[in-house]
Amino acid sequence: MIVIKTIIKFIFKIVGLLLIILGQGLVLLAAISSILVNIITGIFFFGAIVISFSDMSLVEKMTFWVLAIISGAIATNIYTLPERLVDTGTYLMEYEF
């Protein structure tokens, strides 16, 4: 039983380390891409406000607002996946039976 626990601990440490490395790389990628996503989100929201006062059809106005809201949601949650990968990897590395 001790041998099986040792093997599982070793596997958890390797998988945890790989998750931490992957998560840290994605954090760096998310930090770089978040700048672009925030700029795009700002452009969408500014455009949606401007279009709201135009004489376009309601469907076109709603489409632009939906695009702005979706890009805002992506910009808000862009760090969630890398942080969860790092947290899960840390948990696996420190797991005790």
C-alpha atoms as a PDB file:
ATOM      1  CA  MET A   1       0.000   0.000   0.000  1.00  0.00           C
ATOM      2  CA  ILE A   2       2.881   2.347   0.777  1.00  0.00           C
ATOM      3  CA  VAL A   3       4.375   1.688  -2.663  1.00  0.00           C
ATOM      4  CA  ILE A   4       1.095   2.572  -4.375  1.00  0.00           C
ATOM      5  CA  LYS A   5       0.809   5.809  -2.349  1.00  0.00           C
ATOM      6  CA  THR A   6       4.373   6.736  -3.252  1.00  0.00           C
ATOM      7  CA  ILE A   7       3.751   6.114  -6.951  1.00  0.00           C
ATOM      8  CA  ILE A   8       0.526   8.154  -6.896  1.00  0.00           C
ATOM      9  CA  LYS A   9       2.270  11.006  -5.017  1.00  0.00           C
ATOM     10  CA  PHE A  10       5.046  11.004  -7.617  1.00  0.00           C
ATOM     11  CA  ILE A  11       2.521  11.114 -10.472  1.00  0.00           C
ATOM     12  CA  PHE A  12       0.616  13.939  -8.750  1.00  0.00           C
ATOM     13  CA  LYS A  13       3.838  15.933  -8.342  1.00  0.00           C
ATOM     14  CA  ILE A  14       4.723  15.541 -12.028  1.00  0.00           C
ATOM     15  CA  VAL A  15       1.212  16.427 -13.219  1.00  0.00           C
ATOM     16  CA  GLY A  16       1.083  19.333 -10.753  1.00  0.00           C
ATOM     17  CA  LEU A  17       4.395  20.694 -11.990  1.00  0.00           C
ATOM     18  CA  LEU A  18       3.265  20.440 -15.612  1.00  0.00           C
ATOM     19  CA  LEU A  19       0.004  22.251 -14.780  1.00  0.00           C
ATOM     20  CA  ILE A  20       1.918  25.027 -13.024  1.00  0.00           C
ATOM     21  CA  ILE A  21       4.271  25.452 -15.992  1.00  0.00           C
ATOM     22  CA  LEU A  22       1.345  25.485 -18.448  1.00  0.00           C
ATOM     23  CA  GLY A  23      -0.604  27.916 -16.255  1.00  0.00           C
ATOM     24  CA  GLN A  24       2.320  30.320 -15.913  1.00  0.00           C
ATOM     25  CA  GLY A  25       2.829  30.333 -19.670  1.00  0.00           C
ATOM     26  CA  LEU A  26      -0.848  31.063 -20.189  1.00  0.00           C
ATOM     27  CA  VAL A  27      -0.711  33.864 -17.602  1.00  0.00           C
ATOM     28  CA  LEU A  28       2.016  35.515 -19.666  1.00  0.00           C
ATOM     29  CA  LEU A  29       0.019  35.023 -22.856  1.00  0.00           C
ATOM     30  CA  ALA A  30      -3.134  36.348 -21.178  1.00  0.00           C
ATOM     31  CA  ALA A  31      -1.297  39.419 -19.917  1.00  0.00           C
ATOM     32  CA  ILE A  32      -0.163  40.278 -23.425  1.00  0.00           C
ATOM     33  CA  SER A  33      -3.476  39.530 -25.101  1.00  0.00           C
ATOM     34  CA  SER A  34      -5.549  41.268 -22.425  1.00  0.00           C
ATOM     35  CA  ILE A  35      -4.210  44.626 -23.595  1.00  0.00           C
ATOM     36  CA  LEU A  36      -5.566  43.984 -27.074  1.00  0.00           C
ATOM     37  CA  VAL A  37      -8.845  42.580 -25.773  1.00  0.00           C
ATOM     38  CA  ASN A  38      -9.388  45.631 -23.560  1.00  0.00           C
ATOM     39  CA  ILE A  39      -8.753  47.970 -26.492  1.00  0.00           C
ATOM     40  CA  ILE A  40     -11.191  46.021 -28.674  1.00  0.00           C
ATOM     41  CA  THR A  41     -13.775  46.017 -25.869  1.00  0.00           C
ATOM     42  CA  GLY A  42     -13.446  49.779 -25.494  1.00  0.00           C
ATOM     43  CA  ILE A  43     -13.943  50.264 -29.223  1.00  0.00           C
ATOM     44  CA  PHE A  44     -17.015  48.001 -29.201  1.00  0.00           C
ATOM     45  CA  PHE A  45     -18.639  49.810 -26.259  1.00  0.00           C
ATOM     46  CA  PHE A  46     -17.880  53.241 -27.697  1.00  0.00           C
ATOM     47  CA  GLY A  47     -19.314  52.111 -31.033  1.00  0.00           C
ATOM     48  CA  ALA A  48     -22.389  50.660 -29.339  1.00  0.00           C
ATOM     49  CA  ILE A  49     -23.066  53.943 -27.544  1.00  0.00           C
ATOM     50  CA  VAL A  50     -22.627  55.932 -30.745  1.00  0.00           C
ATOM     51  CA  ILE A  51     -24.795  53.546 -32.765  1.00  0.00           C
ATOM     52  CA  SER A  52     -27.528  53.729 -30.096  1.00  0.00           C
ATOM     53  CA  PHE A  53     -28.202  57.311 -31.171  1.00  0.00           C
ATOM     54  CA  SER A  54     -28.207  56.578 -34.900  1.00  0.00           C
ATOM     55  CA  ASP A  55     -31.172  55.711 -37.105  1.00  0.00           C
ATOM     56  CA  MET A  56     -30.128  52.085 -37.687  1.00  0.00           C
ATOM     57  CA  SER A  57     -32.588  49.257 -37.132  1.00  0.00           C
ATOM     58  CA  LEU A  58     -33.040  47.809 -33.668  1.00  0.00           C
ATOM     59  CA  VAL A  59     -31.552  44.465 -34.739  1.00  0.00           C
ATOM     60  CA  GLU A  60     -28.306  46.131 -35.836  1.00  0.00           C
ATOM     61  CA  LYS A  61     -28.096  48.092 -32.592  1.00  0.00           C
ATOM     62  CA  MET A  62     -28.713  44.976 -30.490  1.00  0.00           C
ATOM     63  CA  THR A  63     -26.128  43.005 -32.479  1.00  0.00           C
ATOM     64  CA  PHE A  64     -23.473  45.601 -31.740  1.00  0.00           C
ATOM     65  CA  TRP A  65     -24.391  45.671 -28.032  1.00  0.00           C
ATOM     66  CA  VAL A  66     -24.218  41.857 -27.846  1.00  0.00           C
ATOM     67  CA  LEU A  67     -20.748  41.887 -29.428  1.00  0.00           C
ATOM     68  CA  ALA A  68     -19.642  44.535 -26.937  1.00  0.00           C
ATOM     69  CA  ILE A  69     -20.975  42.556 -23.979  1.00  0.00           C
ATOM     70  CA  ILE A  70     -19.373  39.295 -25.147  1.00  0.00           C
ATOM     71  CA  SER A  71     -15.985  40.946 -25.649  1.00  0.00           C
ATOM     72  CA  GLY A  72     -16.339  42.558 -22.207  1.00  0.00           C
ATOM     73  CA  ALA A  73     -17.019  39.152 -20.646  1.00  0.00           C
ATOM     74  CA  ILE A  74     -13.957  37.686 -22.346  1.00  0.00           C
ATOM     75  CA  ALA A  75     -11.818  40.613 -21.192  1.00  0.00           C
ATOM     76  CA  THR A  76     -13.061  40.181 -17.632  1.00  0.00           C
ATOM     77  CA  ASN A  77     -12.417  36.428 -17.434  1.00  0.00           C
ATOM     78  CA  ILE A  78      -9.217  36.151 -19.466  1.00  0.00           C
ATOM     79  CA  TYR A  79      -7.105  35.287 -16.390  1.00  0.00           C
ATOM     80  CA  THR A  80      -9.487  32.673 -14.955  1.00  0.00           C
ATOM     81  CA  LEU A  81      -8.205  29.564 -16.770  1.00  0.00           C
ATOM     82  CA  PRO A  82      -4.462  30.128 -16.147  1.00  0.00           C
ATOM     83  CA  GLU A  83      -5.080  30.895 -12.471  1.00  0.00           C
ATOM     84  CA  ARG A  84      -7.135  27.721 -12.053  1.00  0.00           C
ATOM     85  CA  LEU A  85      -4.419  25.644 -13.731  1.00  0.00           C
ATOM     86  CA  VAL A  86      -1.787  27.005 -11.360  1.00  0.00           C
ATOM     87  CA  ASP A  87      -4.044  26.486  -8.322  1.00  0.00           C
ATOM     88  CA  THR A  88      -4.829  22.909  -9.356  1.00  0.00           C
ATOM     89  CA  GLY A  89      -1.149  22.153  -9.978  1.00  0.00           C
ATOM     90  CA  THR A  90      -0.202  23.552  -6.571  1.00  0.00           C
ATOM     91  CA  TYR A  91      -2.948  21.496  -4.927  1.00  0.00           C
ATOM     92  CA  LEU A  92      -1.772  18.302  -6.633  1.00  0.00           C
ATOM     93  CA  MET A  93       1.849  18.883  -5.647  1.00  0.00           C
ATOM     94  CA  GLU A  94       0.925  19.405  -1.994  1.00  0.00           C
ATOM     95  CA  TYR A  95      -1.703  16.614  -1.819  1.00  0.00           C
ATOM     96  CA  GLU A  96      -1.386  14.211   1.127  1.00  0.00           C
ATOM     97  CA  PHE A  97      -3.271  10.957   1.521  1.00  0.00           C
END
